[in-house]
């Protein structure tokens, strides 16, 4: 039986585990879900395809990164390096102000008016991402890919040229803010979750994770 990924519709406080399910809607606890043993030839072919896909994905990521603002890239790298230790001082980086065109797209999809708001990243939030979604043991259980420094650099691309954006049915538990969920396929499927500020007029990245898209 072919296994598909069951996507959570709500963000909540962003840390609900994703589980896999069969195509009849029943959840499973892992395994390959096929019920059959593949031949050595099939395994080798799949491995070759995975390597090819990984190379193509890496190439695409680097092409995107090469077009992004250098100041943002340097700051993102710095914040992510700091996230590996103890954050001593809160720092933030505004990387884009929402113009009219971007605001209209978001309003059409979510009903929220965010014109003039600012997209930002905060080193404390990147620390959470590193500790939770940069952990191979945790992410492997959820069929997720570990978030790296290069993935953090992709955030402006994901929040601008997304495949979809939606308003979560739940608000952030920490501060009650509405939550925007951005999705973009770059080899695997990237998720960026931002909380929408009020008086502060900010779109603050709170978490990011990557669902593995298996080929073959």
N, C-alpha and C. Protein backbone atom coordinates (compact mmCIF):
# COMPACT_ATOMS: atom_id res chain seq x y z
N UNK A 1 0.85 -1.19 0.00
CA UNK A 1 0.00 0.00 0.00
C UNK A 1 0.88 1.24 0.00
N UNK A 2 0.65 2.16 -0.87
CA UNK A 2 1.47 3.36 -0.99
C UNK A 2 1.26 4.27 0.21
N UNK A 3 2.34 4.84 0.72
CA UNK A 3 2.25 5.73 1.86
C UNK A 3 2.27 7.18 1.41
N UNK A 4 1.40 7.98 1.98
CA UNK A 4 1.37 9.40 1.67
C UNK A 4 1.56 10.19 2.95
N UNK A 5 1.88 11.46 2.82
CA UNK A 5 2.08 12.29 4.00
C UNK A 5 0.78 12.98 4.39
N UNK A 6 0.42 12.89 5.67
CA UNK A 6 -0.76 13.59 6.19
C UNK A 6 -0.30 14.94 6.71
N UNK A 7 -0.79 16.02 6.13
CA UNK A 7 -0.35 17.35 6.52
C UNK A 7 -1.26 17.92 7.60
N UNK A 8 -0.65 18.46 8.65
CA UNK A 8 -1.42 19.13 9.70
C UNK A 8 -1.95 20.45 9.17
N UNK A 9 -3.18 20.78 9.48
CA UNK A 9 -3.80 22.02 9.00
C UNK A 9 -3.56 23.18 9.94
N UNK A 10 -3.27 22.90 11.21
CA UNK A 10 -3.13 23.96 12.19
C UNK A 10 -1.69 24.10 12.63
N UNK A 11 -1.33 25.34 13.02
CA UNK A 11 0.03 25.57 13.49
C UNK A 11 0.12 25.41 15.00
N UNK A 12 -0.93 25.85 15.74
CA UNK A 12 -0.87 25.80 17.19
C UNK A 12 0.35 26.55 17.67
N UNK A 13 1.15 25.90 18.52
CA UNK A 13 2.41 26.49 18.92
C UNK A 13 3.53 25.93 18.08
N UNK A 14 3.18 25.41 16.90
CA UNK A 14 4.09 25.03 15.83
C UNK A 14 4.77 23.68 16.01
N UNK A 15 4.53 22.97 17.09
CA UNK A 15 5.34 21.78 17.33
C UNK A 15 4.55 20.48 17.37
N UNK A 16 3.43 20.41 16.65
CA UNK A 16 2.72 19.14 16.56
C UNK A 16 3.47 18.23 15.61
N UNK A 17 3.68 16.98 16.01
CA UNK A 17 4.43 16.06 15.18
C UNK A 17 3.61 15.64 13.98
N UNK A 18 4.28 15.49 12.83
CA UNK A 18 3.63 14.97 11.64
C UNK A 18 3.82 13.47 11.63
N UNK A 19 2.77 12.77 11.25
CA UNK A 19 2.86 11.32 11.13
C UNK A 19 2.53 10.93 9.70
N UNK A 20 2.94 9.74 9.33
CA UNK A 20 2.63 9.25 7.99
C UNK A 20 1.34 8.44 8.05
N UNK A 21 0.68 8.31 6.91
CA UNK A 21 -0.54 7.51 6.88
C UNK A 21 -0.62 6.79 5.55
N UNK A 22 -1.40 5.70 5.54
CA UNK A 22 -1.62 4.97 4.31
C UNK A 22 -2.66 5.72 3.51
N UNK A 23 -2.85 5.32 2.24
CA UNK A 23 -3.78 6.08 1.41
C UNK A 23 -5.25 5.78 1.71
N UNK A 24 -5.49 4.97 2.77
CA UNK A 24 -6.87 4.82 3.22
C UNK A 24 -7.12 5.68 4.46
N UNK A 25 -6.12 6.52 4.81
CA UNK A 25 -6.31 7.47 5.90
C UNK A 25 -5.90 6.96 7.26
N UNK A 26 -5.36 5.72 7.36
CA UNK A 26 -4.97 5.18 8.66
C UNK A 26 -3.53 5.56 8.97
N UNK A 27 -3.29 6.04 10.19
CA UNK A 27 -1.95 6.44 10.57
C UNK A 27 -1.08 5.22 10.82
N UNK A 28 0.21 5.39 10.51
CA UNK A 28 1.17 4.34 10.76
C UNK A 28 2.26 4.87 11.67
N UNK A 29 3.10 3.98 12.18
CA UNK A 29 4.18 4.38 13.07
C UNK A 29 5.54 4.28 12.40
N UNK A 30 5.57 4.17 11.09
CA UNK A 30 6.86 4.10 10.40
C UNK A 30 6.88 2.95 9.44
N UNK A 31 8.10 2.53 9.04
CA UNK A 31 8.22 1.47 8.06
C UNK A 31 8.08 2.02 6.68
N UNK A 32 8.33 1.16 5.67
CA UNK A 32 8.26 1.67 4.30
C UNK A 32 6.86 1.63 3.72
N UNK A 33 5.93 0.96 4.42
CA UNK A 33 4.53 1.01 4.02
C UNK A 33 4.22 0.29 2.73
N UNK A 34 5.18 -0.47 2.17
CA UNK A 34 4.94 -1.12 0.89
C UNK A 34 4.50 -2.56 1.04
N UNK A 35 4.97 -3.22 2.11
CA UNK A 35 4.60 -4.61 2.30
C UNK A 35 5.32 -5.55 1.38
N UNK A 36 6.35 -5.08 0.68
CA UNK A 36 7.11 -5.94 -0.22
C UNK A 36 8.58 -5.60 -0.13
N UNK A 37 9.42 -6.50 -0.59
CA UNK A 37 10.86 -6.31 -0.57
C UNK A 37 11.33 -5.95 -1.95
N UNK A 38 12.04 -4.84 -2.07
CA UNK A 38 12.54 -4.42 -3.37
C UNK A 38 13.82 -5.16 -3.72
N UNK A 39 14.04 -5.37 -5.00
CA UNK A 39 15.24 -6.03 -5.45
C UNK A 39 16.44 -5.11 -5.27
N UNK A 40 17.66 -5.71 -5.29
CA UNK A 40 18.88 -4.90 -5.17
C UNK A 40 18.96 -3.89 -6.28
N UNK A 41 18.50 -4.28 -7.49
CA UNK A 41 18.53 -3.37 -8.63
C UNK A 41 17.64 -2.17 -8.41
N UNK A 42 16.44 -2.42 -7.85
CA UNK A 42 15.52 -1.33 -7.55
C UNK A 42 16.11 -0.38 -6.51
N UNK A 43 16.76 -0.98 -5.48
CA UNK A 43 17.36 -0.17 -4.42
C UNK A 43 18.47 0.71 -4.97
N UNK A 44 19.30 0.14 -5.84
CA UNK A 44 20.40 0.92 -6.42
C UNK A 44 19.87 2.04 -7.29
N UNK A 45 18.81 1.75 -8.07
CA UNK A 45 18.22 2.77 -8.95
C UNK A 45 17.64 3.91 -8.12
N UNK A 46 16.96 3.55 -7.02
CA UNK A 46 16.38 4.58 -6.15
C UNK A 46 17.48 5.43 -5.54
N UNK A 47 18.59 4.78 -5.12
CA UNK A 47 19.70 5.52 -4.53
C UNK A 47 20.29 6.49 -5.53
N UNK A 48 20.44 6.04 -6.79
CA UNK A 48 20.97 6.92 -7.83
C UNK A 48 20.05 8.11 -8.05
N UNK A 49 18.73 7.87 -8.05
CA UNK A 49 17.77 8.96 -8.24
C UNK A 49 17.83 9.95 -7.08
N UNK A 50 17.96 9.42 -5.85
CA UNK A 50 18.04 10.29 -4.68
C UNK A 50 19.25 11.19 -4.75
N UNK A 51 20.40 10.63 -5.17
CA UNK A 51 21.62 11.41 -5.28
C UNK A 51 21.45 12.50 -6.33
N UNK A 52 20.84 12.15 -7.48
CA UNK A 52 20.61 13.11 -8.55
C UNK A 52 19.69 14.23 -8.08
N UNK A 53 18.59 13.85 -7.41
CA UNK A 53 17.65 14.85 -6.92
C UNK A 53 18.32 15.77 -5.91
N UNK A 54 19.15 15.20 -5.03
CA UNK A 54 19.81 16.00 -4.02
C UNK A 54 20.75 17.01 -4.68
N UNK A 55 21.47 16.58 -5.69
CA UNK A 55 22.38 17.49 -6.39
C UNK A 55 21.61 18.61 -7.06
N UNK A 56 20.51 18.28 -7.71
CA UNK A 56 19.69 19.29 -8.38
C UNK A 56 19.09 20.26 -7.37
N UNK A 57 18.66 19.73 -6.22
CA UNK A 57 18.09 20.57 -5.18
C UNK A 57 19.14 21.54 -4.64
N UNK A 58 20.32 21.03 -4.38
CA UNK A 58 21.39 21.89 -3.88
C UNK A 58 21.74 22.99 -4.88
N UNK A 59 21.74 22.64 -6.14
CA UNK A 59 22.04 23.63 -7.18
C UNK A 59 20.98 24.72 -7.20
N UNK A 60 19.71 24.32 -7.10
CA UNK A 60 18.63 25.30 -7.11
C UNK A 60 18.69 26.20 -5.89
N UNK A 61 19.00 25.62 -4.74
CA UNK A 61 19.11 26.41 -3.51
C UNK A 61 20.20 27.47 -3.64
N UNK A 62 21.33 27.06 -4.18
CA UNK A 62 22.45 28.00 -4.32
C UNK A 62 22.13 29.10 -5.33
N UNK A 63 21.37 28.77 -6.36
CA UNK A 63 20.95 29.79 -7.34
C UNK A 63 20.05 30.83 -6.68
N UNK A 64 19.14 30.37 -5.82
CA UNK A 64 18.24 31.29 -5.11
C UNK A 64 19.05 32.16 -4.15
N UNK A 65 19.92 31.53 -3.37
CA UNK A 65 20.72 32.26 -2.38
C UNK A 65 21.58 33.33 -3.06
N UNK A 66 22.09 33.00 -4.24
CA UNK A 66 22.95 33.93 -4.97
C UNK A 66 22.26 35.22 -5.37
N UNK A 67 20.92 35.21 -5.39
CA UNK A 67 20.15 36.39 -5.80
C UNK A 67 19.63 37.20 -4.61
N UNK A 68 19.86 36.72 -3.41
CA UNK A 68 19.31 37.37 -2.22
C UNK A 68 20.26 38.45 -1.68
N UNK A 69 19.68 39.32 -0.87
CA UNK A 69 20.43 40.43 -0.29
C UNK A 69 21.58 39.92 0.57
N UNK A 70 22.78 40.42 0.30
CA UNK A 70 23.99 39.93 0.98
C UNK A 70 23.97 40.28 2.46
N UNK A 71 23.42 41.42 2.81
CA UNK A 71 23.35 41.81 4.22
C UNK A 71 22.46 40.84 5.00
N UNK A 72 21.33 40.46 4.39
CA UNK A 72 20.46 39.47 5.04
C UNK A 72 21.19 38.14 5.19
N UNK A 73 21.87 37.70 4.15
CA UNK A 73 22.57 36.41 4.19
C UNK A 73 23.61 36.38 5.30
N UNK A 74 24.36 37.47 5.44
CA UNK A 74 25.38 37.54 6.49
C UNK A 74 24.76 37.49 7.88
N UNK A 75 23.66 38.24 8.05
CA UNK A 75 22.98 38.27 9.35
C UNK A 75 22.37 36.92 9.68
N UNK A 76 21.74 36.28 8.68
CA UNK A 76 21.13 34.97 8.90
C UNK A 76 22.18 33.95 9.32
N UNK A 77 23.33 33.98 8.68
CA UNK A 77 24.43 33.07 9.04
C UNK A 77 24.90 33.33 10.46
N UNK A 78 25.02 34.60 10.81
CA UNK A 78 25.46 34.98 12.15
C UNK A 78 24.46 34.50 13.20
N UNK A 79 23.17 34.76 12.96
CA UNK A 79 22.14 34.34 13.91
C UNK A 79 22.13 32.82 14.09
N UNK A 80 22.30 32.10 12.98
CA UNK A 80 22.24 30.64 13.05
C UNK A 80 23.46 30.09 13.80
N UNK A 81 24.61 30.72 13.61
CA UNK A 81 25.80 30.31 14.36
C UNK A 81 25.60 30.56 15.85
N UNK A 82 25.01 31.70 16.18
CA UNK A 82 24.75 32.02 17.59
C UNK A 82 23.74 31.03 18.19
N UNK A 83 22.83 30.54 17.35
CA UNK A 83 21.79 29.62 17.83
C UNK A 83 22.36 28.31 18.35
N UNK A 84 23.56 27.98 17.95
CA UNK A 84 24.18 26.73 18.37
C UNK A 84 24.68 26.80 19.80
N UNK A 85 24.74 28.01 20.34
CA UNK A 85 25.15 28.19 21.73
C UNK A 85 24.04 28.81 22.54
N UNK A 86 24.39 29.61 23.52
CA UNK A 86 23.40 30.29 24.35
C UNK A 86 23.26 31.73 23.88
N UNK A 87 22.02 32.13 23.60
CA UNK A 87 21.76 33.50 23.14
C UNK A 87 21.91 34.46 24.32
N UNK A 88 22.88 35.36 24.22
CA UNK A 88 23.14 36.30 25.31
C UNK A 88 22.38 37.61 25.14
N UNK A 89 22.12 37.97 23.89
CA UNK A 89 21.43 39.23 23.62
C UNK A 89 20.46 39.05 22.46
N UNK A 90 19.24 39.51 22.63
CA UNK A 90 18.22 39.40 21.57
C UNK A 90 18.58 40.33 20.42
N UNK A 91 18.57 39.78 19.21
CA UNK A 91 18.85 40.57 18.02
C UNK A 91 17.79 40.26 16.97
N UNK A 92 17.44 41.24 16.16
CA UNK A 92 16.49 41.00 15.10
C UNK A 92 16.96 41.63 13.79
N UNK A 93 16.42 41.11 12.71
CA UNK A 93 16.78 41.60 11.38
C UNK A 93 15.52 41.74 10.54
N UNK A 94 15.19 42.96 10.11
CA UNK A 94 14.10 43.18 9.17
C UNK A 94 14.68 42.98 7.77
N UNK A 95 14.07 42.06 7.01
CA UNK A 95 14.64 41.80 5.69
C UNK A 95 13.75 42.26 4.53
N UNK A 96 12.51 42.62 4.82
CA UNK A 96 11.66 43.14 3.74
C UNK A 96 10.41 43.80 4.32
N UNK A 97 10.03 44.92 3.73
CA UNK A 97 8.77 45.58 4.08
C UNK A 97 7.71 45.15 3.07
N UNK A 98 6.52 44.85 3.56
CA UNK A 98 5.44 44.37 2.70
C UNK A 98 4.89 45.53 1.88
N UNK A 99 5.04 45.45 0.56
CA UNK A 99 4.50 46.50 -0.30
C UNK A 99 3.04 46.17 -0.67
N UNK A 100 2.45 47.03 -1.46
CA UNK A 100 1.03 46.88 -1.79
C UNK A 100 0.74 45.59 -2.54
N UNK A 101 1.61 45.25 -3.50
CA UNK A 101 1.38 44.04 -4.30
C UNK A 101 1.43 42.78 -3.43
N UNK A 102 2.43 42.70 -2.56
CA UNK A 102 2.54 41.53 -1.68
C UNK A 102 1.37 41.49 -0.71
N UNK A 103 0.98 42.64 -0.19
CA UNK A 103 -0.12 42.70 0.77
C UNK A 103 -1.43 42.23 0.14
N UNK A 104 -1.66 42.60 -1.11
CA UNK A 104 -2.89 42.21 -1.80
C UNK A 104 -2.97 40.70 -1.97
N UNK A 105 -1.83 40.07 -2.29
CA UNK A 105 -1.80 38.61 -2.44
C UNK A 105 -2.12 37.92 -1.13
N UNK A 106 -1.51 38.40 -0.05
CA UNK A 106 -1.74 37.80 1.26
C UNK A 106 -3.19 38.01 1.71
N UNK A 107 -3.72 39.21 1.47
CA UNK A 107 -5.10 39.49 1.88
C UNK A 107 -6.09 38.62 1.12
N UNK A 108 -5.81 38.39 -0.15
CA UNK A 108 -6.69 37.56 -0.97
C UNK A 108 -6.74 36.12 -0.43
N UNK A 109 -5.61 35.64 0.05
CA UNK A 109 -5.53 34.26 0.52
C UNK A 109 -5.94 34.08 1.98
N UNK A 110 -5.72 35.13 2.81
CA UNK A 110 -5.92 34.96 4.24
C UNK A 110 -6.93 35.93 4.86
N UNK A 111 -7.24 37.01 4.15
CA UNK A 111 -8.14 38.02 4.71
C UNK A 111 -7.45 39.04 5.58
N UNK A 112 -6.14 38.90 5.79
CA UNK A 112 -5.40 39.83 6.63
C UNK A 112 -4.80 40.95 5.80
N UNK A 113 -4.87 42.17 6.33
CA UNK A 113 -4.24 43.32 5.67
C UNK A 113 -2.91 43.60 6.36
N UNK A 114 -1.81 43.28 5.67
CA UNK A 114 -0.48 43.44 6.28
C UNK A 114 0.37 44.44 5.49
N UNK A 115 -0.27 45.32 4.75
CA UNK A 115 0.50 46.32 3.99
C UNK A 115 1.30 47.20 4.95
N UNK A 116 2.58 47.39 4.64
CA UNK A 116 3.45 48.19 5.49
C UNK A 116 4.09 47.42 6.63
N UNK A 117 3.69 46.17 6.82
CA UNK A 117 4.32 45.35 7.85
C UNK A 117 5.74 44.98 7.42
N UNK A 118 6.54 44.53 8.37
CA UNK A 118 7.93 44.16 8.09
C UNK A 118 8.18 42.69 8.42
N UNK A 119 8.76 41.97 7.46
CA UNK A 119 9.21 40.61 7.72
C UNK A 119 10.49 40.67 8.54
N UNK A 120 10.58 39.84 9.58
CA UNK A 120 11.80 39.86 10.38
C UNK A 120 12.16 38.47 10.90
N UNK A 121 13.44 38.31 11.19
CA UNK A 121 13.92 37.12 11.90
C UNK A 121 14.56 37.59 13.20
N UNK A 122 14.48 36.76 14.23
CA UNK A 122 15.06 37.06 15.55
C UNK A 122 15.95 35.90 15.96
N UNK A 123 17.13 36.21 16.49
CA UNK A 123 18.08 35.15 16.81
C UNK A 123 17.51 34.14 17.80
N UNK A 124 16.65 34.58 18.72
CA UNK A 124 16.05 33.66 19.69
C UNK A 124 15.17 32.62 19.00
N UNK A 125 14.46 33.03 17.95
CA UNK A 125 13.61 32.10 17.21
C UNK A 125 14.45 31.13 16.40
N UNK A 126 15.57 31.61 15.86
CA UNK A 126 16.46 30.72 15.12
C UNK A 126 17.09 29.69 16.06
N UNK A 127 17.28 30.08 17.32
CA UNK A 127 17.80 29.12 18.31
C UNK A 127 16.81 27.98 18.50
N UNK A 128 15.52 28.33 18.55
CA UNK A 128 14.49 27.29 18.65
C UNK A 128 14.52 26.38 17.43
N UNK A 129 14.61 26.97 16.25
CA UNK A 129 14.63 26.19 15.01
C UNK A 129 15.82 25.23 15.00
N UNK A 130 16.98 25.75 15.40
CA UNK A 130 18.18 24.90 15.41
C UNK A 130 18.03 23.74 16.39
N UNK A 131 17.55 24.02 17.60
CA UNK A 131 17.47 22.99 18.62
C UNK A 131 16.38 21.96 18.32
N UNK A 132 15.29 22.41 17.70
CA UNK A 132 14.16 21.51 17.44
C UNK A 132 14.23 20.89 16.04
N UNK A 133 14.46 21.72 15.05
CA UNK A 133 14.41 21.23 13.67
C UNK A 133 15.79 21.06 13.03
N UNK A 134 16.82 21.29 13.83
CA UNK A 134 18.18 21.00 13.38
C UNK A 134 18.71 19.74 14.03
N UNK A 135 17.83 19.02 14.71
CA UNK A 135 18.20 17.79 15.41
C UNK A 135 17.86 16.58 14.55
N UNK A 136 18.86 15.86 14.05
CA UNK A 136 18.60 14.72 13.14
C UNK A 136 17.71 13.64 13.74
N UNK A 137 17.87 13.34 15.03
CA UNK A 137 17.09 12.28 15.66
C UNK A 137 15.60 12.64 15.71
N UNK A 138 15.33 13.89 16.06
CA UNK A 138 13.94 14.34 16.14
C UNK A 138 13.30 14.39 14.76
N UNK A 139 14.01 14.98 13.80
CA UNK A 139 13.43 15.18 12.47
C UNK A 139 13.26 13.87 11.71
N UNK A 140 14.14 12.91 11.93
CA UNK A 140 14.02 11.62 11.24
C UNK A 140 12.72 10.91 11.63
N UNK A 141 12.30 11.08 12.87
CA UNK A 141 11.06 10.44 13.33
C UNK A 141 9.84 11.03 12.64
N UNK A 142 9.93 12.28 12.20
CA UNK A 142 8.79 12.96 11.58
C UNK A 142 8.87 13.00 10.06
N UNK A 143 9.83 12.24 9.48
CA UNK A 143 10.05 12.30 8.03
C UNK A 143 10.38 13.73 7.58
N UNK A 144 11.13 14.43 8.43
CA UNK A 144 11.56 15.78 8.13
C UNK A 144 13.04 15.79 7.79
N UNK A 145 13.45 16.85 7.11
CA UNK A 145 14.85 17.07 6.78
C UNK A 145 15.41 18.10 7.74
N UNK A 146 16.63 17.89 8.20
CA UNK A 146 17.26 18.82 9.15
C UNK A 146 17.44 20.20 8.52
N UNK A 147 17.08 21.24 9.25
CA UNK A 147 17.26 22.62 8.79
C UNK A 147 18.72 23.02 8.97
N UNK A 148 19.31 23.57 7.91
CA UNK A 148 20.70 24.01 7.92
C UNK A 148 20.78 25.53 7.77
N UNK A 149 22.00 26.06 7.84
CA UNK A 149 22.21 27.49 7.66
C UNK A 149 21.75 27.94 6.27
N UNK A 150 21.99 27.12 5.25
CA UNK A 150 21.55 27.46 3.89
C UNK A 150 20.03 27.54 3.81
N UNK A 151 19.33 26.69 4.56
CA UNK A 151 17.86 26.73 4.55
C UNK A 151 17.35 28.02 5.18
N UNK A 152 18.00 28.48 6.23
CA UNK A 152 17.63 29.74 6.87
C UNK A 152 17.77 30.89 5.87
N UNK A 153 18.77 30.81 5.02
CA UNK A 153 18.99 31.85 4.03
C UNK A 153 17.85 31.94 3.02
N UNK A 154 17.09 30.86 2.87
CA UNK A 154 16.01 30.81 1.88
C UNK A 154 14.71 31.48 2.35
N UNK A 155 14.66 31.89 3.60
CA UNK A 155 13.41 32.42 4.17
C UNK A 155 12.79 33.55 3.35
N UNK A 156 13.56 34.57 2.91
CA UNK A 156 12.94 35.64 2.11
C UNK A 156 12.31 35.13 0.81
N UNK A 157 12.91 34.11 0.21
CA UNK A 157 12.36 33.52 -1.02
C UNK A 157 11.05 32.80 -0.72
N UNK A 158 11.01 32.05 0.37
CA UNK A 158 9.83 31.26 0.73
C UNK A 158 8.65 32.17 1.07
N UNK A 159 8.90 33.27 1.77
CA UNK A 159 7.80 34.15 2.18
C UNK A 159 7.38 35.13 1.08
N UNK A 160 8.12 35.17 -0.01
CA UNK A 160 7.74 36.06 -1.11
C UNK A 160 7.22 35.27 -2.31
N UNK A 161 7.94 34.24 -2.71
CA UNK A 161 7.57 33.44 -3.89
C UNK A 161 7.06 32.06 -3.47
N UNK A 162 6.15 32.06 -2.53
CA UNK A 162 5.61 30.82 -1.98
C UNK A 162 4.71 30.10 -2.99
N UNK A 163 4.52 28.81 -2.76
CA UNK A 163 3.53 28.05 -3.54
C UNK A 163 2.14 28.27 -2.96
N UNK A 164 2.09 28.44 -1.64
CA UNK A 164 0.80 28.73 -0.99
C UNK A 164 1.05 29.44 0.32
N UNK A 165 0.05 30.23 0.74
CA UNK A 165 0.07 30.85 2.06
C UNK A 165 -1.34 30.74 2.62
N UNK A 166 -1.44 30.44 3.90
CA UNK A 166 -2.75 30.31 4.52
C UNK A 166 -2.69 30.81 5.96
N UNK A 167 -3.85 31.16 6.48
CA UNK A 167 -3.98 31.58 7.87
C UNK A 167 -4.31 30.36 8.71
N UNK A 168 -3.48 30.10 9.72
CA UNK A 168 -3.75 28.96 10.59
C UNK A 168 -5.09 29.13 11.31
N UNK A 169 -5.73 28.02 11.61
CA UNK A 169 -6.98 28.05 12.35
C UNK A 169 -6.74 28.33 13.83
N UNK A 170 -5.49 28.21 14.24
CA UNK A 170 -5.15 28.45 15.63
C UNK A 170 -4.17 29.61 15.75
N UNK A 171 -4.19 30.29 16.88
CA UNK A 171 -3.25 31.37 17.15
C UNK A 171 -2.06 30.84 17.94
N UNK A 172 -0.98 31.61 17.91
CA UNK A 172 0.20 31.22 18.67
C UNK A 172 -0.13 31.20 20.16
N UNK A 173 0.25 30.13 20.83
CA UNK A 173 -0.06 30.01 22.26
C UNK A 173 0.74 31.00 23.09
N UNK A 174 1.92 31.37 22.61
CA UNK A 174 2.79 32.24 23.39
C UNK A 174 2.27 33.66 23.51
N UNK A 175 1.68 34.21 22.43
CA UNK A 175 1.24 35.60 22.47
C UNK A 175 -0.11 35.85 21.80
N UNK A 176 -0.78 34.80 21.36
CA UNK A 176 -2.12 34.94 20.79
C UNK A 176 -2.19 35.56 19.41
N UNK A 177 -1.04 35.71 18.77
CA UNK A 177 -1.04 36.32 17.43
C UNK A 177 -1.56 35.36 16.37
N UNK A 178 -2.16 35.91 15.29
CA UNK A 178 -2.51 35.06 14.14
C UNK A 178 -1.21 34.50 13.54
N UNK A 179 -1.34 33.37 12.85
CA UNK A 179 -0.17 32.69 12.29
C UNK A 179 -0.35 32.48 10.80
N UNK A 180 0.62 32.91 10.01
CA UNK A 180 0.64 32.65 8.58
C UNK A 180 1.54 31.45 8.31
N UNK A 181 1.07 30.56 7.44
CA UNK A 181 1.84 29.37 7.08
C UNK A 181 2.19 29.45 5.59
N UNK A 182 3.47 29.56 5.30
CA UNK A 182 3.96 29.59 3.93
C UNK A 182 4.51 28.22 3.56
N UNK A 183 4.23 27.78 2.34
CA UNK A 183 4.78 26.51 1.84
C UNK A 183 5.45 26.75 0.50
N UNK A 184 6.60 26.10 0.31
CA UNK A 184 7.28 26.19 -0.97
C UNK A 184 8.07 24.92 -1.21
N UNK A 185 7.95 24.40 -2.41
CA UNK A 185 8.69 23.20 -2.81
C UNK A 185 10.02 23.61 -3.42
N UNK A 186 11.10 23.20 -2.76
CA UNK A 186 12.45 23.36 -3.31
C UNK A 186 13.11 22.00 -3.12
N UNK A 187 12.79 21.07 -3.98
CA UNK A 187 13.21 19.69 -3.78
C UNK A 187 12.32 19.04 -2.74
N UNK A 188 12.51 19.39 -1.46
CA UNK A 188 11.61 19.00 -0.39
C UNK A 188 10.61 20.14 -0.16
N UNK A 189 9.69 19.96 0.77
CA UNK A 189 8.66 20.97 1.00
C UNK A 189 8.98 21.78 2.25
N UNK A 190 9.17 23.08 2.06
CA UNK A 190 9.54 23.99 3.12
C UNK A 190 8.31 24.65 3.73
N UNK A 191 8.32 24.79 5.05
CA UNK A 191 7.26 25.47 5.79
C UNK A 191 7.87 26.58 6.63
N UNK A 192 7.37 27.79 6.46
CA UNK A 192 7.76 28.92 7.31
C UNK A 192 6.51 29.45 8.00
N UNK A 193 6.55 29.60 9.31
CA UNK A 193 5.40 30.09 10.07
C UNK A 193 5.75 31.43 10.70
N UNK A 194 4.94 32.44 10.37
CA UNK A 194 5.14 33.79 10.91
C UNK A 194 3.95 34.18 11.77
N UNK A 195 4.23 34.88 12.87
CA UNK A 195 3.15 35.47 13.65
C UNK A 195 2.95 36.91 13.17
N UNK A 196 1.70 37.32 13.16
CA UNK A 196 1.33 38.64 12.65
C UNK A 196 1.15 39.61 13.81
N UNK A 197 2.01 40.64 13.87
CA UNK A 197 1.96 41.61 14.96
C UNK A 197 0.81 42.58 14.81
N UNK A 198 0.50 43.28 15.89
CA UNK A 198 -0.55 44.30 15.88
C UNK A 198 0.06 45.67 15.73
N UNK A 199 0.28 46.36 16.85
CA UNK A 199 0.88 47.69 16.82
C UNK A 199 2.29 47.65 16.25
N UNK A 200 2.99 46.56 16.50
CA UNK A 200 4.37 46.44 16.02
C UNK A 200 4.43 46.32 14.51
N UNK A 201 3.34 45.87 13.90
CA UNK A 201 3.27 45.69 12.45
C UNK A 201 4.45 44.87 11.92
N UNK A 202 4.66 43.71 12.54
CA UNK A 202 5.72 42.84 12.06
C UNK A 202 5.18 41.46 11.72
N UNK A 203 5.88 40.80 10.81
CA UNK A 203 5.64 39.41 10.47
C UNK A 203 6.89 38.67 10.92
N UNK A 204 6.77 38.07 12.09
CA UNK A 204 7.93 37.49 12.77
C UNK A 204 8.03 35.99 12.52
N UNK A 205 9.12 35.56 11.92
CA UNK A 205 9.34 34.13 11.73
C UNK A 205 9.47 33.46 13.09
N UNK A 206 8.61 32.46 13.35
CA UNK A 206 8.66 31.77 14.63
C UNK A 206 9.23 30.37 14.52
N UNK A 207 8.99 29.72 13.39
CA UNK A 207 9.60 28.41 13.20
C UNK A 207 9.66 28.08 11.72
N UNK A 208 10.44 27.06 11.41
CA UNK A 208 10.64 26.60 10.03
C UNK A 208 10.95 25.11 10.09
N UNK A 209 10.34 24.35 9.21
CA UNK A 209 10.68 22.93 9.11
C UNK A 209 10.55 22.48 7.68
N UNK A 210 11.11 21.33 7.38
CA UNK A 210 11.18 20.83 6.00
C UNK A 210 10.68 19.40 5.95
N UNK A 211 9.62 19.15 5.19
CA UNK A 211 9.11 17.79 5.01
C UNK A 211 9.85 17.14 3.85
N UNK A 212 10.27 15.93 4.08
CA UNK A 212 11.00 15.19 3.07
C UNK A 212 10.04 14.72 1.97
N UNK A 213 10.39 14.98 0.73
CA UNK A 213 9.64 14.47 -0.42
C UNK A 213 10.46 13.36 -1.05
N UNK A 214 10.00 12.15 -0.91
CA UNK A 214 10.77 11.02 -1.43
C UNK A 214 10.43 10.77 -2.89
N UNK A 215 11.44 10.43 -3.65
CA UNK A 215 11.26 10.15 -5.08
C UNK A 215 11.44 8.67 -5.33
N UNK A 216 10.96 8.22 -6.50
CA UNK A 216 11.15 6.84 -6.87
C UNK A 216 10.09 5.92 -6.28
